[in-house]
PDB file of all heavy atoms in Angstrom:
ATOM      1  N   ALA A   1      10.252 164.974-105.094  1.00  0.00           N
ATOM      2  CA  ALA A   1      11.051 165.907-105.888  1.00  0.00           C
ATOM      3  C   ALA A   1      12.269 165.228-106.509  1.00  0.00           C
ATOM      4  O   ALA A   1      12.689 165.574-107.613  1.00  0.00           O
ATOM      5  CB  ALA A   1      11.488 167.086-105.025  1.00  0.00           C
ATOM      6  N   ALA A   2      12.822 164.235-105.816  1.00  0.00           N
ATOM      7  CA  ALA A   2      14.016 163.547-106.309  1.00  0.00           C
ATOM      8  C   ALA A   2      13.689 162.305-107.135  1.00  0.00           C
ATOM      9  O   ALA A   2      14.589 161.599-107.564  1.00  0.00           O
ATOM     10  CB  ALA A   2      14.922 163.160-105.138  1.00  0.00           C
ATOM     11  N   GLY A   3      12.403 162.031-107.354  1.00  0.00           N
ATOM     12  CA  GLY A   3      12.008 160.870-108.135  1.00  0.00           C
ATOM     13  C   GLY A   3      11.168 159.908-107.337  1.00  0.00           C
ATOM     14  O   GLY A   3      10.726 160.211-106.219  1.00  0.00           O
ATOM     15  N   PRO A   4      10.928 158.715-107.878  1.00  0.00           N
ATOM     16  CA  PRO A   4      10.068 157.728-107.217  1.00  0.00           C
ATOM     17  C   PRO A   4      10.583 157.307-105.842  1.00  0.00           C
ATOM     18  O   PRO A   4      11.792 157.145-105.648  1.00  0.00           O
ATOM     19  CB  PRO A   4      10.071 156.547-108.181  1.00  0.00           C
ATOM     20  CG  PRO A   4      10.320 157.176-109.511  1.00  0.00           C
ATOM     21  CD  PRO A   4      11.301 158.284-109.224  1.00  0.00           C
ATOM     22  N   VAL A   5       9.639 157.159-104.905  1.00  0.00           N
ATOM     23  CA  VAL A   5       9.962 156.704-103.556  1.00  0.00           C
ATOM     24  C   VAL A   5       9.194 155.438-103.190  1.00  0.00           C
ATOM     25  O   VAL A   5       9.401 154.870-102.127  1.00  0.00           O
ATOM     26  CB  VAL A   5       9.708 157.802-102.504  1.00  0.00           C
ATOM     27  CG1 VAL A   5      10.695 158.948-102.687  1.00  0.00           C
ATOM     28  CG2 VAL A   5       8.276 158.304-102.561  1.00  0.00           C
ATOM     29  N   GLY A   6       8.307 154.985-104.090  1.00  0.00           N
ATOM     30  CA  GLY A   6       7.558 153.766-103.837  1.00  0.00           C
ATOM     31  C   GLY A   6       6.644 153.456-104.999  1.00  0.00           C
ATOM     32  O   GLY A   6       6.435 154.293-105.878  1.00  0.00           O
ATOM     33  N   TYR A   7       6.145 152.218-104.994  1.00  0.00           N
ATOM     34  CA  TYR A   7       5.176 151.829-106.015  1.00  0.00           C
ATOM     35  C   TYR A   7       4.245 150.762-105.479  1.00  0.00           C
ATOM     36  O   TYR A   7       4.529 150.105-104.476  1.00  0.00           O
ATOM     37  CB  TYR A   7       5.856 151.387-107.312  1.00  0.00           C
ATOM     38  CG  TYR A   7       6.542 150.037-107.271  1.00  0.00           C
ATOM     39  CD1 TYR A   7       5.885 148.896-107.715  1.00  0.00           C
ATOM     40  CD2 TYR A   7       7.848 149.909-106.811  1.00  0.00           C
ATOM     41  CE1 TYR A   7       6.512 147.652-107.696  1.00  0.00           C
ATOM     42  CE2 TYR A   7       8.481 148.672-106.794  1.00  0.00           C
ATOM     43  CZ  TYR A   7       7.813 147.557-107.234  1.00  0.00           C
ATOM     44  OH  TYR A   7       8.433 146.326-107.210  1.00  0.00           O
ATOM     45  N   CYS A   8       3.126 150.629-106.160  1.00  0.00           N
ATOM     46  CA  CYS A   8       2.083 149.693-105.761  1.00  0.00           C
ATOM     47  C   CYS A   8       1.443 149.136-107.029  1.00  0.00           C
ATOM     48  O   CYS A   8       1.344 149.845-108.031  1.00  0.00           O
ATOM     49  CB  CYS A   8       1.052 150.446-104.928  1.00  0.00           C
ATOM     50  SG  CYS A   8      -0.200 149.449-104.138  1.00  0.00           S
ATOM     51  N   VAL A   9       1.023 147.882-106.977  1.00  0.00           N
ATOM     52  CA  VAL A   9       0.433 147.226-108.139  1.00  0.00           C
ATOM     53  C   VAL A   9      -0.924 146.665-107.756  1.00  0.00           C
ATOM     54  O   VAL A   9      -1.059 146.003-106.726  1.00  0.00           O
ATOM     55  CB  VAL A   9       1.347 146.085-108.643  1.00  0.00           C
ATOM     56  CG1 VAL A   9       0.705 145.346-109.809  1.00  0.00           C
ATOM     57  CG2 VAL A   9       2.723 146.623-109.019  1.00  0.00           C
ATOM     58  N   VAL A  10      -1.932 146.944-108.592  1.00  0.00           N
ATOM     59  CA  VAL A  10      -3.251 146.351-108.396  1.00  0.00           C
ATOM     60  C   VAL A  10      -3.601 145.562-109.648  1.00  0.00           C
ATOM     61  O   VAL A  10      -3.456 146.050-110.766  1.00  0.00           O
ATOM     62  CB  VAL A  10      -4.334 147.397-108.055  1.00  0.00           C
ATOM     63  CG1 VAL A  10      -4.555 148.380-109.165  1.00  0.00           C
ATOM     64  CG2 VAL A  10      -5.639 146.727-107.661  1.00  0.00           C
ATOM     65  N   GLU A  11      -4.018 144.301-109.436  1.00  0.00           N
ATOM     66  CA  GLU A  11      -4.395 143.416-110.535  1.00  0.00           C
ATOM     67  C   GLU A  11      -5.794 142.861-110.246  1.00  0.00           C
ATOM     68  O   GLU A  11      -6.299 142.993-109.132  1.00  0.00           O
ATOM     69  CB  GLU A  11      -3.369 142.288-110.679  1.00  0.00           C
ATOM     70  CG  GLU A  11      -1.967 142.843-110.986  1.00  0.00           C
ATOM     71  CD  GLU A  11      -0.907 141.771-111.062  1.00  0.00           C
ATOM     72  OE1 GLU A  11      -0.466 141.286-110.000  1.00  0.00           O
ATOM     73  OE2 GLU A  11      -0.527 141.415-112.184  1.00  0.00           O
ATOM     74  N   TYR A  12      -6.382 142.243-111.243  1.00  0.00           N
ATOM     75  CA  TYR A  12      -7.769 141.767-111.125  1.00  0.00           C
ATOM     76  C   TYR A  12      -7.866 140.267-111.418  1.00  0.00           C
ATOM     77  O   TYR A  12      -8.803 139.812-112.044  1.00  0.00           O
ATOM     78  CB  TYR A  12      -8.686 142.590-112.046  1.00  0.00           C
ATOM     79  CG  TYR A  12      -8.724 144.021-111.613  1.00  0.00           C
ATOM     80  CD1 TYR A  12      -7.845 144.955-112.153  1.00  0.00           C
ATOM     81  CD2 TYR A  12      -9.593 144.435-110.615  1.00  0.00           C
ATOM     82  CE1 TYR A  12      -7.844 146.268-111.721  1.00  0.00           C
ATOM     83  CE2 TYR A  12      -9.603 145.748-110.166  1.00  0.00           C
ATOM     84  CZ  TYR A  12      -8.728 146.654-110.726  1.00  0.00           C
ATOM     85  OH  TYR A  12      -8.720 147.952-110.291  1.00  0.00           O
ATOM     86  N   THR A  13      -6.917 139.518-110.911  1.00  0.00           N
ATOM     87  CA  THR A  13      -6.880 138.077-111.161  1.00  0.00           C
ATOM     88  C   THR A  13      -7.278 137.260-109.925  1.00  0.00           C
ATOM     89  O   THR A  13      -7.280 136.044-109.980  1.00  0.00           O
ATOM     90  CB  THR A  13      -5.467 137.655-111.608  1.00  0.00           C
ATOM     91  OG1 THR A  13      -4.525 138.085-110.619  1.00  0.00           O
ATOM     92  CG2 THR A  13      -5.115 138.278-112.948  1.00  0.00           C
ATOM     93  N   PHE A  14      -7.629 137.913-108.838  1.00  0.00           N
ATOM     94  CA  PHE A  14      -8.005 137.252-107.592  1.00  0.00           C
ATOM     95  C   PHE A  14      -9.529 137.160-107.533  1.00  0.00           C
ATOM     96  O   PHE A  14     -10.201 138.089-107.096  1.00  0.00           O
ATOM     97  CB  PHE A  14      -7.449 138.034-106.395  1.00  0.00           C
ATOM     98  CG  PHE A  14      -7.659 137.375-105.059  1.00  0.00           C
ATOM     99  CD1 PHE A  14      -6.905 136.271-104.690  1.00  0.00           C
ATOM    100  CD2 PHE A  14      -8.588 137.867-104.167  1.00  0.00           C
ATOM    101  CE1 PHE A  14      -7.075 135.668-103.448  1.00  0.00           C
ATOM    102  CE2 PHE A  14      -8.775 137.282-102.920  1.00  0.00           C
ATOM    103  CZ  PHE A  14      -8.016 136.176-102.571  1.00  0.00           C
ATOM    104  N   PHE A  15     -10.077 136.068-108.064  1.00  0.00           N
ATOM    105  CA  PHE A  15     -11.524 135.866-108.110  1.00  0.00           C
ATOM    106  C   PHE A  15     -12.228 137.058-108.758  1.00  0.00           C
ATOM    107  O   PHE A  15     -13.303 137.467-108.340  1.00  0.00           O
ATOM    108  CB  PHE A  15     -12.091 135.589-106.716  1.00  0.00           C
ATOM    109  CG  PHE A  15     -11.538 134.347-106.088  1.00  0.00           C
ATOM    110  CD1 PHE A  15     -10.476 134.421-105.193  1.00  0.00           C
ATOM    111  CD2 PHE A  15     -12.042 133.098-106.411  1.00  0.00           C
ATOM    112  CE1 PHE A  15      -9.953 133.275-104.618  1.00  0.00           C
ATOM    113  CE2 PHE A  15     -11.531 131.947-105.841  1.00  0.00           C
ATOM    114  CZ  PHE A  15     -10.476 132.032-104.945  1.00  0.00           C
ATOM    115  N   GLU A  16     -11.584 137.641-109.754  1.00  0.00           N
ATOM    116  CA  GLU A  16     -12.083 138.800-110.507  1.00  0.00           C
ATOM    117  C   GLU A  16     -12.295 140.027-109.628  1.00  0.00           C
ATOM    118  O   GLU A  16     -13.063 140.922-109.967  1.00  0.00           O
ATOM    119  CB  GLU A  16     -13.347 138.442-111.291  1.00  0.00           C
ATOM    120  CG  GLU A  16     -13.088 137.361-112.330  1.00  0.00           C
ATOM    121  CD  GLU A  16     -14.319 137.005-113.142  1.00  0.00           C
ATOM    122  OE1 GLU A  16     -15.358 137.674-113.011  1.00  0.00           O
ATOM    123  OE2 GLU A  16     -14.223 136.053-113.923  1.00  0.00           O
ATOM    124  N   GLN A  17     -11.595 140.094-108.512  1.00  0.00           N
ATOM    125  CA  GLN A  17     -11.617 141.265-107.625  1.00  0.00           C
ATOM    126  C   GLN A  17     -10.248 141.935-107.690  1.00  0.00           C
ATOM    127  O   GLN A  17      -9.262 141.336-108.101  1.00  0.00           O
ATOM    128  CB  GLN A  17     -11.913 140.842-106.178  1.00  0.00           C
ATOM    129  CG  GLN A  17     -13.262 140.209-105.990  1.00  0.00           C
ATOM    130  CD  GLN A  17     -14.406 141.163-106.268  1.00  0.00           C
ATOM    131  OE1 GLN A  17     -14.412 142.311-105.831  1.00  0.00           O
ATOM    132  NE2 GLN A  17     -15.385 140.697-107.026  1.00  0.00           N
ATOM    133  N   GLY A  18     -10.188 143.184-107.252  1.00  0.00           N
ATOM    134  CA  GLY A  18      -8.900 143.861-107.180  1.00  0.00           C
ATOM    135  C   GLY A  18      -8.015 143.208-106.133  1.00  0.00           C
ATOM    136  O   GLY A  18      -8.496 142.753-105.088  1.00  0.00           O
ATOM    137  N   PHE A  19      -6.723 143.165-106.427  1.00  0.00           N
ATOM    138  CA  PHE A  19      -5.756 142.593-105.491  1.00  0.00           C
ATOM    139  C   PHE A  19      -4.471 143.400-105.571  1.00  0.00           C
ATOM    140  O   PHE A  19      -3.889 143.554-106.649  1.00  0.00           O
ATOM    141  CB  PHE A  19      -5.461 141.122-105.816  1.00  0.00           C
ATOM    142  CG  PHE A  19      -4.673 140.429-104.740  1.00  0.00           C
ATOM    143  CD1 PHE A  19      -5.322 139.825-103.674  1.00  0.00           C
ATOM    144  CD2 PHE A  19      -3.287 140.402-104.782  1.00  0.00           C
ATOM    145  CE1 PHE A  19      -4.598 139.192-102.669  1.00  0.00           C
ATOM    146  CE2 PHE A  19      -2.558 139.772-103.783  1.00  0.00           C
ATOM    147  CZ  PHE A  19      -3.222 139.167-102.715  1.00  0.00           C
ATOM    148  N   VAL A  20      -4.040 143.937-104.449  1.00  0.00           N
ATOM    149  CA  VAL A  20      -2.761 144.637-104.388  1.00  0.00           C
ATOM    150  C   VAL A  20      -1.686 143.559-104.298  1.00  0.00           C
ATOM    151  O   VAL A  20      -1.490 142.943-103.255  1.00  0.00           O
ATOM    152  CB  VAL A  20      -2.686 145.598-103.183  1.00  0.00           C
ATOM    153  CG1 VAL A  20      -1.294 146.211-103.076  1.00  0.00           C
ATOM    154  CG2 VAL A  20      -3.749 146.678-103.311  1.00  0.00           C
ATOM    155  N   SER A  21      -1.019 143.326-105.415  1.00  0.00           N
ATOM    156  CA  SER A  21      -0.029 142.251-105.473  1.00  0.00           C
ATOM    157  C   SER A  21       1.365 142.719-105.076  1.00  0.00           C
ATOM    158  O   SER A  21       2.244 141.885-104.830  1.00  0.00           O
ATOM    159  CB  SER A  21       0.000 141.630-106.868  1.00  0.00           C
ATOM    160  OG  SER A  21       0.265 142.613-107.836  1.00  0.00           O
ATOM    161  N   MET A  22       1.574 144.035-104.988  1.00  0.00           N
ATOM    162  CA  MET A  22       2.882 144.547-104.592  1.00  0.00           C
ATOM    163  C   MET A  22       2.725 145.937-104.004  1.00  0.00           C
ATOM    164  O   MET A  22       1.990 146.769-104.549  1.00  0.00           O
ATOM    165  CB  MET A  22       3.810 144.621-105.809  1.00  0.00           C
ATOM    166  CG  MET A  22       5.175 145.204-105.521  1.00  0.00           C
ATOM    167  SD  MET A  22       6.124 144.309-104.281  1.00  0.00           S
ATOM    168  CE  MET A  22       6.213 142.693-105.017  1.00  0.00           C
ATOM    169  N   LEU A  23       3.409 146.165-102.910  1.00  0.00           N
ATOM    170  CA  LEU A  23       3.570 147.500-102.335  1.00  0.00           C
ATOM    171  C   LEU A  23       5.017 147.583-101.879  1.00  0.00           C
ATOM    172  O   LEU A  23       5.451 146.785-101.042  1.00  0.00           O
ATOM    173  CB  LEU A  23       2.628 147.731-101.157  1.00  0.00           C
ATOM    174  CG  LEU A  23       2.824 149.057-100.414  1.00  0.00           C
ATOM    175  CD1 LEU A  23       2.511 150.243-101.322  1.00  0.00           C
ATOM    176  CD2 LEU A  23       1.961 149.106 -99.168  1.00  0.00           C
ATOM    177  N   MET A  24       5.752 148.510-102.455  1.00  0.00           N
ATOM    178  CA  MET A  24       7.158 148.670-102.103  1.00  0.00           C
ATOM    179  C   MET A  24       7.444 150.148-101.890  1.00  0.00           C
ATOM    180  O   MET A  24       7.108 150.978-102.745  1.00  0.00           O
ATOM    181  CB  MET A  24       8.050 148.132-103.226  1.00  0.00           C
ATOM    182  CG  MET A  24       9.542 148.269-102.964  1.00  0.00           C
ATOM    183  SD  MET A  24      10.160 147.421-101.488  1.00  0.00           S
ATOM    184  CE  MET A  24       9.944 145.704-101.942  1.00  0.00           C
ATOM    185  N   VAL A  25       8.037 150.453-100.752  1.00  0.00           N
ATOM    186  CA  VAL A  25       8.459 151.817-100.447  1.00  0.00           C
ATOM    187  C   VAL A  25       9.958 151.764-100.180  1.00  0.00           C
ATOM    188  O   VAL A  25      10.443 150.872 -99.479  1.00  0.00           O
ATOM    189  CB  VAL A  25       7.696 152.374 -99.223  1.00  0.00           C
ATOM    190  CG1 VAL A  25       8.208 153.763 -98.846  1.00  0.00           C
ATOM    191  CG2 VAL A  25       6.195 152.410 -99.500  1.00  0.00           C
ATOM    192  N   ALA A  26      10.680 152.714-100.753  1.00  0.00           N
ATOM    193  CA  ALA A  26      12.124 152.783-100.537  1.00  0.00           C
ATOM    194  C   ALA A  26      12.405 152.841 -99.040  1.00  0.00           C
ATOM    195  O   ALA A  26      11.709 153.554 -98.302  1.00  0.00           O
ATOM    196  CB  ALA A  26      12.700 154.007-101.232  1.00  0.00           C
ATOM    197  N   PRO A  27      13.405 152.104 -98.564  1.00  0.00           N
ATOM    198  CA  PRO A  27      13.691 152.096 -97.126  1.00  0.00           C
ATOM    199  C   PRO A  27      13.811 153.498 -96.513  1.00  0.00           C
ATOM    200  O   PRO A  27      13.298 153.744 -95.426  1.00  0.00           O
ATOM    201  CB  PRO A  27      15.005 151.315 -97.036  1.00  0.00           C
ATOM    202  CG  PRO A  27      14.929 150.365 -98.202  1.00  0.00           C
ATOM    203  CD  PRO A  27      14.270 151.166 -99.299  1.00  0.00           C
ATOM    204  N   ALA A  28      14.437 154.431 -97.214  1.00  0.00           N
ATOM    205  CA  ALA A  28      14.623 155.785 -96.676  1.00  0.00           C
ATOM    206  C   ALA A  28      13.320 156.569 -96.598  1.00  0.00           C
ATOM    207  O   ALA A  28      13.256 157.590 -95.914  1.00  0.00           O
ATOM    208  CB  ALA A  28      15.637 156.554 -97.532  1.00  0.00           C
ATOM    209  N   ALA A  29      12.271 156.119 -97.289  1.00  0.00           N
ATOM    210  CA  ALA A  29      11.000 156.848 -97.326  1.00  0.00           C
ATOM    211  C   ALA A  29       9.929 156.208 -96.456  1.00  0.00           C
ATOM    212  O   ALA A  29       8.804 156.715 -96.388  1.00  0.00           O
ATOM    213  CB  ALA A  29      10.512 156.945 -98.771  1.00  0.00           C
TER     214      ALA A  29
END
């Protein structure tokens, strides 16, 4: 309700497979 609390990134550069290159969650969440 107050806005973003985390984000995640998926890319396809790891041997042409999906790769979660970033997962970040706000410390309070």
